[in-house]
Amino acid sequence: MLTAAAESFLKQAREAREEELRRFAARVAALLQGPEPGPEAADCLQRLHLAVAATKYPRKLDGKFVELLQTVLCSPKCPEQIRLLCAAILREMSPCNDLILSCDGIQDTKLLSLVSSVLLAQGNKKAEVSAVGQRIVKILERRLPEGQSAQYLLPVLSNVISLSPESLTEEQTNVVSKKMADWLRYASIQQGVAQPSRGFFSSSRTRQPGPVTEVDGAIATDFFTVLSVGQYYTQDQWLNVQAFSMLRNWLLCYGDKGLNTPNSDDKSEVDRSVTSMVSTTSTSSRLLSPKEHLREKAFEYCQRLIEQSNRRPLKKEDGDLQKACLIEAVTIMDIICKQDSSYVYRAVSFLKTVHSRICGDAAYARALLPIAQFFLNHSKMAAVDSDAIYKHLLTDIPAQLFHNPSLAFEFVQFCKDNSQLFAETSSIFRQSFPNLFKFLAWNSPPLISEFVDLLPFLLDAGTAIEIFHLLLDLPCLTAALDIQLRSSALPTSKRAACDPAVKPATCLEAFRHPLYKNMFQYLLRTESTPEDAPERVVAEFADGPLINQLVVLLLQRSDQLYEIPGFRDDVYRVLGSQLAMLCWLRPALIVEQSTEILEFSGTVSNIQNKEAIFTHMVWAIGEYMSVSYDKRCTVEQISRFFETLEVVLFEITQLRPLASTPSYAPRAISVLMATLTKLAARSQDLIPRTSMFLSKMRTFVQSPAVTAVYREEDLEQLLIRATELMNLLKMPSVAQFVFTPPVNVATTRFQREVNDSLHFALRIVTRLLEPTPGFVPG
């Protein structure tokens, strides 16, 4: 958080007007053109940099002033701080039309670094990126003069390959690969020499540097890495650290080029892998190419890092660095093995040992992801069984660390990236999906989009029902996870078993109570329990019995949702649309599940409590209860549905001498009227009853008790719809064709258009039967 003074200063910089900025820039220019820019010039440049950087829109500076900044930047006589600030201002103003900088001919590595940073900030201009890359490699391939260091160039080179990896030629990448291999493997293991303070009490004798140490304080006996500890570092040690930081990206860009050698066709990949398994040493009888040499040294470096991560650190920050280096080292080893399979056998046994060492330590949970990634990529080739690694990852980690948001995101992203591979190599992925939902329950909504992408790989005919329940149980799962966390935080003395005869008074007591034990165990399960779905995915594999089962479960679960304000209504809207989709997939379910559907649609309370589901269910009855969709649809069955819905509509529209009239959703009333009309059109003995009922709707909508609780426009629409339906029933043959399409035309374009424009058709029929003045049928 910024302090009040800092916020005030930042606000002033943002609100500075162009005229103020122009005058201030003129003052800065005068200071820079003086005999020797000093502290005042540095202070003004800092303030100018803040003003330029504080706004989202680009600030305008005079072209001559921009040219002056570039001149000062390239002046070896100016103090380093002044040059750094000039470069920073030029970067903030990028892209800059007044740029005259060029990296050609620059020998000083610090200056080249500053100039290159400005050039690369101009946008992804291939020519400038390539020029910077060419110049840096040209300097790196020569021996640097005394006082110059490549450490200023590697960050720029890393930026170059991120912006335009193709800007370097094969020959140039070979040069850098050879250098990187040397920087990684041959850095000094002696500490650097401290710069003399030259104070009054300083000694004229320079202390001899001591050896670097490990994180646990032991003297390092092997080569230097980023986990080696020293009070001061040498130039080659800094290059070692920088080379490792850019190693992954370098290998991904250039590591697999030039892999094939003249003798590569003489041996199959399996032969080379077997050779590597027999000879686990890193030497080779042939001369390695620069890229192969870099892979070899990088592999050794990663092995050393992983071994160093096993040491107990003296400082907490070193422990955090150990974990980060372990993750990076395993990732790089995976890349190396992808590029050269001969490393697989050397890595497999090594990483299995690492997994056994860290799998019980929750602090190393993130490192388990790249290890699992390695075995997903290479276990088939190495012919090793990795199910134990996947099982531990998918079973233990979500159950223990679901409350870690960063791990949750990385874990779900890992599963999403490897979902296809998981499905092909192991059944554990699908078996463990209840565990993955713990991440969603605790960390939603940030993880919703990731789960939407992951869900298709979890769903099949065997998991759809359980996932349906899981999605509806998410609020309960969240509550159970919260109780589990709070229970585990209690002192052991307070975790004593509860008396089964005493009813628990709190959630924490219920968590340990035998009566609720099975419920919590079910909610917190780590694996699928099949004995006990979203749109589009179900449609890909669901057969008739599964769809029937889903519809019945959907109706049943609508009574078993967690009491959260707004939650039920949101779920009902989703379930209603899914119900319509399932009925469209299998219209026959209306006949096959008629008992359950009649029970649900015949319950008046469902209109107020579950209006979205009720309305879609009634619409589906009217749409699919037809012989056109199922030959088993008889007149008797149509009559059963008609009588059930007739009673419901009568119940919600009859006028009673009550103090208050209950209000029902106008949409539900409209759909009930339309469905009764559709059923009557298919069993014409029901037409008189339907017409008589529709004719009474005028009395209903004009009743003072009704107008007091319904909106006027809703009542008007209900009356219009009742009139339209009643008029349609006056022409039974037309009504039968519109509402009951013959089998041979049920899916024709004409019939689809009739269904899509049903409201328009009803209006036309009304105008035919009740023509307005001046209307002449054509």
Foldseek 3Di string as FASTA:
>chain_A
DDDPVVVVLLVCLQPDDLVNLAVLLVVLLVLLPDPARDPVNLVSLVSNLSSQQSDPDGHDYDLVSLVSLVVLLPDPRHDPSSNQSSLSSLLSNAPDPSDPDALPPDQALQSLLSSLSNQPSNPLDPVSLLRSLVSLLVNLLDDRDPPHANLSVLVSNLSSCVSPVPSDDPVSLLSVLLVLLCLQAPFDQWFDWDDFPPDPPTDPDTDGTGGWAAQARHGDPGGDAPRTHDPHHDRSNSSNDSSLVSVQVSCVSPLQPPLDDPCNVVDDLLVLLVVCLVPVDLDDPDDDRSSSSSLSSLLVSLLVLLVSLPDDGPDPVSVVVSLVSNQSSLLSLLSSCVSRVSCLNVVPVSLVVSCVVPLVPLVNLVSLLSSVVSCLVPCVVVVDDCVVSVLSNLFVNLLVPLQPLVVLVVSLVSCLVCLVSCLVPHPSSLFQVLSNLSNVLNDPPVCVVSCVSNVLSNDALQCAVVVVVSVQCSPVLNVLSVLVVVLVPDPPVVNDADDQVDDDPDPNNLCRHPVCVVVSCVSSPRTDDSVVDDPPSCLVHPDDVSLLVVLLVLLVCLVPGDDDVPPSQVVLLRSLVVNLVSCVSAVCSCVVVVVSLLVSLLDLVCQVSRVSNNLSSLLSCLQRLACLRPVPNDLVSLVSSLVSLVVSLCVQQPDDPDPARDDGDLSSNLSSLSSNLSSCLRVVVCLVVSLVVLVCLVVRLPDPRNCVPDPPVSSVVSNLSSLLSNLCSVPSVSSNCLRHPHNVCCPPPVNVVSVVCVVVVSVVSSCVVVPDPPDDDD
